[in-house]
Amino acid sequence: MNHAVLYVRDSDAHKAFYEDLLGFRTMIHVPGQLAFLQAPNSENHHDIAFFTVGSGAGPSVAGKQTVGMYHLAWEVATLPELAEMRDRLQAAGVLKGASDHGVNKSLYCMDPDGLEFEVMWLVPPDRWGADAHEAIVRPLDLDADLVRFADLVDNQS
């Protein structure tokens, strides 16, 4: 995937949220109308864009009453980065869940409009194990994973 474009109530609020909380960089901004942002370490011109539709827009009912997107996922490069994001997202009050999917470790959060997004770390493929082709959802124990993958953490520091 190259980028996503979302209709939101307030593109300025999303711009600030993604910059302050996730470290994105603004590439194009027309106040009150749109914002194009680049993810940290990305070489894309933009990874996500927001178009303002106004405060009167109702909440998303995708997955409840209509078809639609469930969530977007943003990948961090290291497991310590994921731990740092957990702390930052938790402090901001937007962390809603955390899962161990075997092949990746995931944090689930809500943006200013209540749209879900994921921040995840991909386990190196040579460490996936026999259950790599199963839909695993276990509770995430990030502190235990930092110990389990200590050899990778040492190499990533």
Protein backbone atom coordinates (compact mmCIF):
# COMPACT_ATOMS: atom_id res chain seq x y z
CA MET A 1 0.00 0.00 0.00
CA ASN A 2 1.28 3.47 -0.78
CA HIS A 3 -1.10 5.78 1.07
CA ALA A 4 -4.58 6.20 2.54
CA VAL A 5 -6.99 9.13 2.25
CA LEU A 6 -9.65 9.67 4.91
CA TYR A 7 -12.61 11.99 5.20
CA VAL A 8 -12.58 13.41 8.73
CA ARG A 9 -14.46 16.06 10.66
CA ASP A 10 -11.37 18.27 11.11
CA SER A 11 -8.18 17.73 9.09
CA ASP A 12 -6.31 20.18 11.34
CA ALA A 13 -7.07 18.06 14.43
CA HIS A 14 -5.91 14.91 12.63
CA LYS A 15 -2.76 16.69 11.45
CA ALA A 16 -1.89 17.68 15.01
CA PHE A 17 -2.72 14.21 16.35
CA TYR A 18 -0.56 12.36 13.82
CA GLU A 19 2.32 14.84 14.21
CA ASP A 20 2.31 15.01 18.00
CA LEU A 21 1.53 11.41 18.83
CA LEU A 22 2.91 9.39 15.93
CA GLY A 23 5.73 11.61 14.69
CA PHE A 24 4.36 12.18 11.18
CA ARG A 25 5.56 15.17 9.14
CA THR A 26 3.22 17.48 7.26
CA MET A 27 3.89 17.70 3.53
CA ILE A 28 0.87 19.76 2.41
CA HIS A 29 -1.58 21.63 4.61
CA VAL A 30 -4.49 23.85 3.68
CA PRO A 31 -5.94 24.90 7.05
CA GLY A 32 -9.51 23.81 7.55
CA GLN A 33 -9.50 21.78 4.34
CA LEU A 34 -6.79 19.13 4.00
CA ALA A 35 -3.51 17.73 5.26
CA PHE A 36 -1.06 15.30 3.63
CA LEU A 37 1.36 13.63 6.07
CA GLN A 38 4.44 11.46 5.77
CA ALA A 39 5.13 8.67 8.27
CA PRO A 40 8.45 8.61 10.13
CA ASN A 41 11.23 7.06 8.02
CA SER A 42 8.97 6.92 4.96
CA GLU A 43 10.16 7.71 1.47
CA ASN A 44 6.62 8.33 0.21
CA HIS A 45 5.55 11.86 -0.51
CA HIS A 46 2.66 11.18 1.86
CA ASP A 47 1.35 8.10 3.65
CA ILE A 48 -1.98 9.50 4.75
CA ALA A 49 -4.16 12.45 3.80
CA PHE A 50 -7.14 13.96 5.57
CA PHE A 51 -9.97 15.93 3.98
CA THR A 52 -12.29 17.96 6.23
CA VAL A 53 -16.00 17.22 5.88
CA GLY A 54 -17.12 19.27 8.91
CA SER A 55 -18.24 18.84 12.48
CA GLY A 56 -21.73 17.74 11.44
CA ALA A 57 -20.47 14.42 10.10
CA GLY A 58 -21.87 11.45 11.99
CA PRO A 59 -19.78 8.67 13.52
CA SER A 60 -18.52 5.83 11.35
CA VAL A 61 -20.81 2.82 11.38
CA ALA A 62 -18.49 0.66 9.27
CA GLY A 63 -18.46 -2.88 10.59
CA LYS A 64 -21.61 -2.24 12.62
CA GLN A 65 -24.17 -1.24 10.00
CA THR A 66 -22.23 -0.79 6.78
CA VAL A 67 -19.22 -2.10 4.95
CA GLY A 68 -16.06 -0.02 5.26
CA MET A 69 -12.51 0.01 6.46
CA TYR A 70 -11.74 -1.58 9.84
CA HIS A 71 -8.37 0.09 10.50
CA LEU A 72 -5.03 1.20 9.12
CA ALA A 73 -1.76 -0.17 10.53
CA TRP A 74 1.48 1.76 11.00
CA GLU A 75 4.67 -0.26 11.38
CA VAL A 76 7.50 0.67 13.73
CA ALA A 77 11.01 -0.61 13.02
CA THR A 78 11.90 -1.96 16.45
CA LEU A 79 10.27 -3.59 19.45
CA PRO A 80 11.56 -0.85 21.79
CA GLU A 81 9.82 1.68 19.50
CA LEU A 82 6.58 -0.24 19.98
CA ALA A 83 7.05 -0.11 23.77
CA GLU A 84 7.65 3.64 23.51
CA MET A 85 4.50 4.03 21.39
CA ARG A 86 2.51 2.00 23.94
CA ASP A 87 3.51 4.44 26.66
CA ARG A 88 2.81 7.49 24.50
CA LEU A 89 -0.57 6.21 23.28
CA GLN A 90 -1.58 5.16 26.78
CA ALA A 91 -0.63 8.59 28.20
CA ALA A 92 -2.74 10.25 25.48
CA GLY A 93 -5.72 8.05 26.40
CA VAL A 94 -6.13 6.61 22.88
CA LEU A 95 -4.80 3.07 23.44
CA LYS A 96 -7.80 0.72 23.30
CA GLY A 97 -6.19 -2.72 23.04
CA ALA A 98 -3.07 -4.77 22.44
CA SER A 99 -2.69 -8.15 20.72
CA ASP A 100 -0.02 -10.70 20.01
CA HIS A 101 -0.70 -12.11 16.55
CA GLY A 102 2.36 -14.36 16.53
CA VAL A 103 3.86 -12.76 13.44
CA ASN A 104 3.34 -9.23 14.74
CA LYS A 105 2.78 -7.36 18.00
CA SER A 106 -0.02 -4.79 17.80
CA LEU A 107 -1.44 -1.80 19.63
CA TYR A 108 -4.96 -0.64 18.74
CA CYS A 109 -5.94 2.99 19.12
CA MET A 110 -8.56 5.57 18.20
CA ASP A 111 -8.00 8.82 16.31
CA PRO A 112 -9.85 12.11 17.01
CA ASP A 113 -12.93 10.89 15.09
CA GLY A 114 -12.96 7.48 16.78
CA LEU A 115 -11.52 5.70 13.73
CA GLU A 116 -9.32 2.78 14.69
CA PHE A 117 -5.66 2.51 13.78
CA GLU A 118 -2.95 0.03 14.68
CA VAL A 119 0.71 0.51 15.52
CA MET A 120 2.61 -2.75 15.05
CA TRP A 121 6.02 -4.38 15.01
CA LEU A 122 6.57 -7.19 12.52
CA VAL A 123 8.40 -10.19 13.96
CA PRO A 124 11.24 -11.12 11.57
CA PRO A 125 9.97 -13.91 9.26
CA ASP A 126 12.66 -16.35 10.40
CA ARG A 127 11.11 -16.14 13.90
CA TRP A 128 7.46 -16.67 12.94
CA GLY A 129 7.15 -20.30 13.95
CA ALA A 130 4.73 -23.06 12.99
CA ASP A 131 1.59 -21.01 13.65
CA ALA A 132 2.39 -18.32 11.04
CA HIS A 133 -0.63 -19.32 8.93
CA GLU A 134 -3.14 -19.11 11.78
CA ALA A 135 -5.26 -16.12 12.78
CA ILE A 136 -3.76 -15.71 16.25
CA VAL A 137 -5.11 -13.19 18.74
CA ARG A 138 -3.48 -13.48 22.15
CA PRO A 139 -2.99 -10.87 24.86
CA LEU A 140 0.17 -8.86 24.22
CA ASP A 141 2.90 -9.03 26.86
CA LEU A 142 5.28 -6.47 25.44
CA ASP A 143 7.64 -6.58 28.41
CA ALA A 144 8.01 -10.37 28.03
CA ASP A 145 8.55 -9.91 24.27
CA LEU A 146 11.36 -7.43 24.93
CA VAL A 147 13.06 -10.22 26.90
CA ARG A 148 12.12 -12.95 24.39
CA PHE A 149 13.53 -10.95 21.48
CA ALA A 150 16.45 -9.46 23.45
CA ASP A 151 18.93 -10.55 20.77
CA LEU A 152 17.01 -8.46 18.23
CA VAL A 153 16.60 -5.55 20.64
CA ASP A 154 20.37 -5.47 21.22
CA ASN A 155 20.96 -5.40 17.46
CA GLN A 156 18.30 -2.70 16.92
CA SER A 157 19.62 -0.29 19.55
